[in-house]
Amino acid sequence: MATSDPVYLRVVEDIRRQITDGSLPPGAPIPSRAQLTRKYQVGETAARHALRVLAAEGLIIGRVGSGHYVRERPDLTPLHRWRYLDHPAPFAADLQAQGRRVTWDWHSEPTEADPDISRRLRVKESTPLTKTFYVYRGDGRPLQLATSYEPMELATHTEERRSLVARMYAHGIKITEIVESVHTRVPRPAESDALDLAAGVHVLHVERTHWAGDRPVETSDIVIPGDRFRVTYSMPV
């Protein structure tokens, strides 16, 4: 963040170091603005700015009327990306197998291939597609967002959901490979709202594509909170 008073960085770096090395454990209180100004010999503007930066990084959390505290380090739930591929909702099936109660909502709508999706599906731009949105929840809390794109002639969506593998097989198409590319990024405002993310939390973005031989028949953008899950893969040798 730009500032005309760069001394705030000294405060940020020292508190960040204490959190990283455990000197300030999860749940520990962070000095107030007044305490920071005295300890680091900085102005109140710099102290306030340092707290904002630490909160934006997800290292501390503010509580109204109480101050700031070191954010708790949550236990990350493993997501096994190779399991339940024949289930209508592999994400839900995996968490249910771990004892979690998961529900999901979805709806589909017609769309056209934009430059990115046309590249991923190897179709011309403006090709008619079916776009499906999914929201997964655990005990009412949002856990994952997904947006899927399929050629319209292959997307037979009914109230009774079947796995993509089964639906493609009904069209005489055999899925031979699923390719996933994963990266972290800052969530978009709508994603932060939909997933109820705290400030400073990044998301895992999984770009997944189902292939039938050399033809991509579906591609998805999957968004997972980075502070709740760790993605696990199996690689046969």
Protein backbone atom coordinates (compact mmCIF):
# COMPACT_ATOMS: atom_id res chain seq x y z
CA MET A 1 0.00 0.00 0.00
CA ALA A 2 1.30 3.47 -0.84
CA THR A 3 1.99 5.81 2.06
CA SER A 4 3.96 8.98 2.65
CA ASP A 5 5.16 7.57 5.99
CA PRO A 6 7.13 4.36 5.22
CA VAL A 7 8.10 3.83 8.86
CA TYR A 8 4.95 1.70 9.13
CA LEU A 9 6.94 -1.05 7.39
CA ARG A 10 9.18 -1.38 10.44
CA VAL A 11 6.12 -2.13 12.56
CA VAL A 12 4.68 -4.57 10.01
CA GLU A 13 7.93 -6.47 9.58
CA ASP A 14 8.55 -6.85 13.32
CA ILE A 15 5.03 -8.05 14.14
CA ARG A 16 5.02 -10.34 11.10
CA ARG A 17 8.30 -11.86 12.31
CA GLN A 18 6.89 -12.44 15.80
CA ILE A 19 3.82 -14.16 14.37
CA THR A 20 5.92 -16.31 12.03
CA ASP A 21 8.42 -17.45 14.68
CA GLY A 22 5.71 -18.06 17.29
CA SER A 23 6.60 -15.26 19.64
CA LEU A 24 3.02 -14.10 19.10
CA PRO A 25 1.00 -17.34 18.99
CA PRO A 26 -2.52 -17.67 17.54
CA GLY A 27 -5.01 -15.77 19.67
CA ALA A 28 -2.38 -13.47 21.20
CA PRO A 29 -3.37 -9.80 21.44
CA ILE A 30 -1.65 -7.25 19.23
CA PRO A 31 -0.60 -3.96 20.85
CA SER A 32 -3.07 -1.14 20.40
CA ARG A 33 -2.32 1.84 18.18
CA ALA A 34 -1.26 3.87 21.21
CA GLN A 35 1.04 1.07 22.37
CA LEU A 36 2.55 0.75 18.90
CA THR A 37 3.31 4.46 18.69
CA ARG A 38 5.20 4.29 21.99
CA LYS A 39 7.01 1.01 21.32
CA TYR A 40 8.16 1.79 17.78
CA GLN A 41 8.35 5.57 18.09
CA VAL A 42 6.02 6.14 15.14
CA GLY A 43 3.00 8.31 14.57
CA GLU A 44 -0.57 7.12 14.98
CA THR A 45 -1.09 7.16 11.20
CA ALA A 46 1.79 4.71 10.74
CA ALA A 47 0.52 2.51 13.56
CA ARG A 48 -2.99 2.43 12.11
CA HIS A 49 -1.62 1.68 8.63
CA ALA A 50 0.52 -1.19 9.98
CA LEU A 51 -2.52 -2.83 11.57
CA ARG A 52 -4.44 -2.52 8.30
CA VAL A 53 -1.63 -4.17 6.36
CA LEU A 54 -1.32 -7.05 8.83
CA ALA A 55 -5.09 -7.58 8.71
CA ALA A 56 -5.06 -7.49 4.90
CA GLU A 57 -2.34 -10.17 4.91
CA GLY A 58 -4.59 -12.36 7.04
CA LEU A 59 -2.14 -12.40 9.97
CA ILE A 60 -4.34 -10.60 12.48
CA ILE A 61 -8.06 -10.12 12.98
CA GLY A 62 -9.88 -7.19 14.53
CA ARG A 63 -12.65 -7.59 17.09
CA VAL A 64 -14.97 -4.68 17.70
CA GLY A 65 -14.36 -3.11 21.08
CA SER A 66 -11.55 -5.54 21.88
CA GLY A 67 -8.62 -4.84 19.55
CA HIS A 68 -6.56 -7.02 17.22
CA TYR A 69 -5.43 -10.61 17.73
CA VAL A 70 -3.21 -13.09 15.89
CA ARG A 71 -5.45 -15.10 13.59
CA GLU A 72 -5.94 -18.73 14.56
CA ARG A 73 -4.29 -21.23 12.23
CA PRO A 74 -7.11 -23.54 11.10
CA ASP A 75 -6.67 -27.23 10.43
CA LEU A 76 -6.84 -27.64 6.67
CA THR A 77 -9.25 -30.25 5.34
CA PRO A 78 -7.73 -32.45 2.62
CA LEU A 79 -9.45 -32.53 -0.75
CA HIS A 80 -8.65 -35.75 -2.60
CA ARG A 81 -8.93 -34.78 -6.25
CA TRP A 82 -8.81 -38.34 -7.63
CA ARG A 83 -11.69 -39.77 -5.58
CA TYR A 84 -15.38 -40.09 -6.48
CA LEU A 85 -14.93 -39.00 -10.09
CA ASP A 86 -18.10 -40.94 -10.99
CA HIS A 87 -20.17 -39.01 -8.43
CA PRO A 88 -22.38 -36.07 -9.49
CA ALA A 89 -20.48 -33.92 -6.97
CA PRO A 90 -17.00 -35.34 -6.21
CA PHE A 91 -16.21 -32.47 -3.82
CA ALA A 92 -19.30 -33.20 -1.74
CA ALA A 93 -18.73 -36.96 -1.82
CA ASP A 94 -15.15 -36.55 -0.60
CA LEU A 95 -16.15 -34.37 2.35
CA GLN A 96 -19.12 -36.61 3.17
CA ALA A 97 -16.69 -39.55 3.36
CA GLN A 98 -14.77 -37.51 5.95
CA GLY A 99 -17.88 -37.08 8.06
CA ARG A 100 -18.97 -33.66 6.82
CA ARG A 101 -22.55 -32.80 5.87
CA VAL A 102 -22.46 -31.12 2.46
CA THR A 103 -25.25 -29.73 0.30
CA TRP A 104 -25.07 -27.93 -3.02
CA ASP A 105 -27.16 -25.75 -5.28
CA TRP A 106 -26.75 -25.30 -9.01
CA HIS A 107 -28.37 -23.69 -11.98
CA SER A 108 -27.61 -23.66 -15.69
CA GLU A 109 -27.98 -21.05 -18.40
CA PRO A 110 -27.03 -20.70 -22.06
CA THR A 111 -23.94 -18.70 -22.91
CA GLU A 112 -21.35 -18.28 -25.66
CA ALA A 113 -17.67 -19.14 -25.63
CA ASP A 114 -15.44 -16.18 -24.81
CA PRO A 115 -11.77 -16.17 -25.94
CA ASP A 116 -10.54 -18.03 -22.84
CA ILE A 117 -13.22 -20.72 -22.83
CA SER A 118 -13.01 -21.17 -26.61
CA ARG A 119 -9.29 -21.88 -26.19
CA ARG A 120 -9.88 -24.34 -23.37
CA LEU A 121 -12.67 -26.20 -25.20
CA ARG A 122 -11.06 -25.83 -28.64
CA VAL A 123 -14.19 -24.31 -30.13
CA LYS A 124 -14.80 -21.10 -32.02
CA GLU A 125 -15.64 -17.93 -30.14
CA SER A 126 -19.39 -17.44 -29.69
CA THR A 127 -20.02 -21.19 -29.88
CA PRO A 128 -23.23 -21.96 -27.91
CA LEU A 129 -22.42 -23.47 -24.50
CA THR A 130 -24.19 -24.38 -21.32
CA LYS A 131 -22.80 -22.64 -18.24
CA THR A 132 -23.56 -24.15 -14.83
CA PHE A 133 -22.93 -22.48 -11.47
CA TYR A 134 -22.47 -24.51 -8.27
CA VAL A 135 -22.33 -23.45 -4.63
CA TYR A 136 -21.33 -26.08 -2.07
CA ARG A 137 -22.04 -25.67 1.64
CA GLY A 138 -21.08 -27.54 4.78
CA ASP A 139 -23.48 -27.12 7.69
CA GLY A 140 -24.79 -24.03 5.94
CA ARG A 141 -21.35 -22.45 5.45
CA PRO A 142 -20.17 -21.87 1.85
CA LEU A 143 -17.21 -24.10 1.00
CA GLN A 144 -16.66 -24.03 -2.76
CA LEU A 145 -17.77 -22.27 -5.94
CA ALA A 146 -17.61 -23.82 -9.39
CA THR A 147 -18.52 -22.70 -12.89
CA SER A 148 -18.69 -25.36 -15.61
CA TYR A 149 -18.83 -24.95 -19.40
CA GLU A 150 -19.96 -27.64 -21.84
CA PRO A 151 -20.93 -27.65 -25.51
CA MET A 152 -24.68 -27.15 -25.52
CA GLU A 153 -25.39 -30.35 -27.41
CA LEU A 154 -23.67 -32.39 -24.67
CA ALA A 155 -25.17 -30.68 -21.62
CA THR A 156 -28.37 -32.51 -20.76
CA HIS A 157 -29.25 -31.03 -17.37
CA THR A 158 -32.14 -32.51 -15.48
CA GLU A 159 -33.24 -32.34 -11.85
CA GLU A 160 -31.70 -35.77 -11.34
CA ARG A 161 -27.98 -35.01 -11.57
CA ARG A 162 -25.58 -37.61 -12.89
CA SER A 163 -21.82 -37.49 -12.97
CA LEU A 164 -20.24 -35.87 -15.99
CA VAL A 165 -18.55 -39.17 -16.82
CA ALA A 166 -21.95 -40.90 -16.91
CA ARG A 167 -23.61 -38.12 -18.91
CA MET A 168 -20.88 -38.14 -21.53
CA TYR A 169 -21.04 -41.91 -21.75
CA ALA A 170 -24.76 -41.55 -22.56
CA HIS A 171 -23.64 -39.53 -25.61
CA GLY A 172 -21.20 -42.27 -26.59
CA ILE A 173 -18.24 -40.27 -25.28
CA LYS A 174 -15.67 -41.87 -22.96
CA ILE A 175 -13.73 -39.57 -20.64
CA THR A 176 -10.08 -40.58 -20.84
CA GLU A 177 -8.34 -37.89 -18.80
CA ILE A 178 -9.03 -35.07 -16.34
CA VAL A 179 -6.45 -32.28 -16.28
CA GLU A 180 -6.27 -29.75 -13.44
CA SER A 181 -4.15 -26.62 -13.14
CA VAL A 182 -4.01 -24.97 -9.70
CA HIS A 183 -2.91 -21.49 -8.65
CA THR A 184 -3.58 -19.11 -5.78
CA ARG A 185 -4.97 -15.63 -6.23
CA VAL A 186 -6.76 -12.78 -4.50
CA PRO A 187 -10.51 -13.45 -4.49
CA ARG A 188 -12.84 -11.22 -6.45
CA PRO A 189 -15.29 -9.21 -4.30
CA ALA A 190 -18.24 -11.41 -5.32
CA GLU A 191 -16.25 -14.54 -4.39
CA SER A 192 -15.31 -13.09 -0.99
CA ASP A 193 -18.97 -12.42 -0.32
CA ALA A 194 -20.17 -15.80 -1.59
CA LEU A 195 -17.55 -17.75 0.40
CA ASP A 196 -17.68 -15.48 3.46
CA LEU A 197 -13.91 -14.96 3.36
CA ALA A 198 -12.02 -12.98 5.96
CA ALA A 199 -9.75 -10.14 4.84
CA GLY A 200 -6.40 -11.33 3.55
CA VAL A 201 -7.52 -14.88 2.68
CA HIS A 202 -6.56 -16.03 -0.82
CA VAL A 203 -8.34 -18.70 -2.80
CA LEU A 204 -7.19 -21.79 -4.65
CA HIS A 205 -8.31 -21.62 -8.27
CA VAL A 206 -8.55 -25.00 -9.99
CA GLU A 207 -8.94 -24.96 -13.75
CA ARG A 208 -10.26 -28.44 -14.61
CA THR A 209 -10.89 -29.93 -18.03
CA HIS A 210 -12.40 -33.30 -18.96
CA TRP A 211 -10.90 -34.85 -22.09
CA ALA A 212 -12.22 -37.56 -24.39
CA GLY A 213 -9.11 -38.55 -26.28
CA ASP A 214 -7.83 -35.34 -27.85
CA ARG A 215 -11.15 -33.49 -27.44
CA PRO A 216 -11.96 -31.34 -24.38
CA VAL A 217 -15.66 -31.82 -23.58
CA GLU A 218 -16.01 -29.78 -20.38
CA THR A 219 -14.00 -27.17 -18.51
CA SER A 220 -14.56 -25.66 -15.08
CA ASP A 221 -13.28 -22.91 -12.81
CA ILE A 222 -13.34 -24.10 -9.20
CA VAL A 223 -12.74 -21.66 -6.34
CA ILE A 224 -11.76 -22.98 -2.90
CA PRO A 225 -10.97 -20.98 0.27
CA GLY A 226 -7.23 -21.15 0.87
CA ASP A 227 -7.61 -21.08 4.66
CA ARG A 228 -9.86 -24.15 4.88
CA PHE A 229 -8.51 -26.78 2.48
CA ARG A 230 -5.37 -28.37 1.11
CA VAL A 231 -5.54 -30.05 -2.27
CA THR A 232 -4.22 -33.63 -2.46
CA TYR A 233 -3.38 -35.54 -5.63
CA SER A 234 -2.45 -39.15 -6.34
CA MET A 235 0.06 -39.88 -9.10
CA PRO A 236 0.21 -43.53 -10.17
CA VAL A 237 3.73 -44.75 -11.02
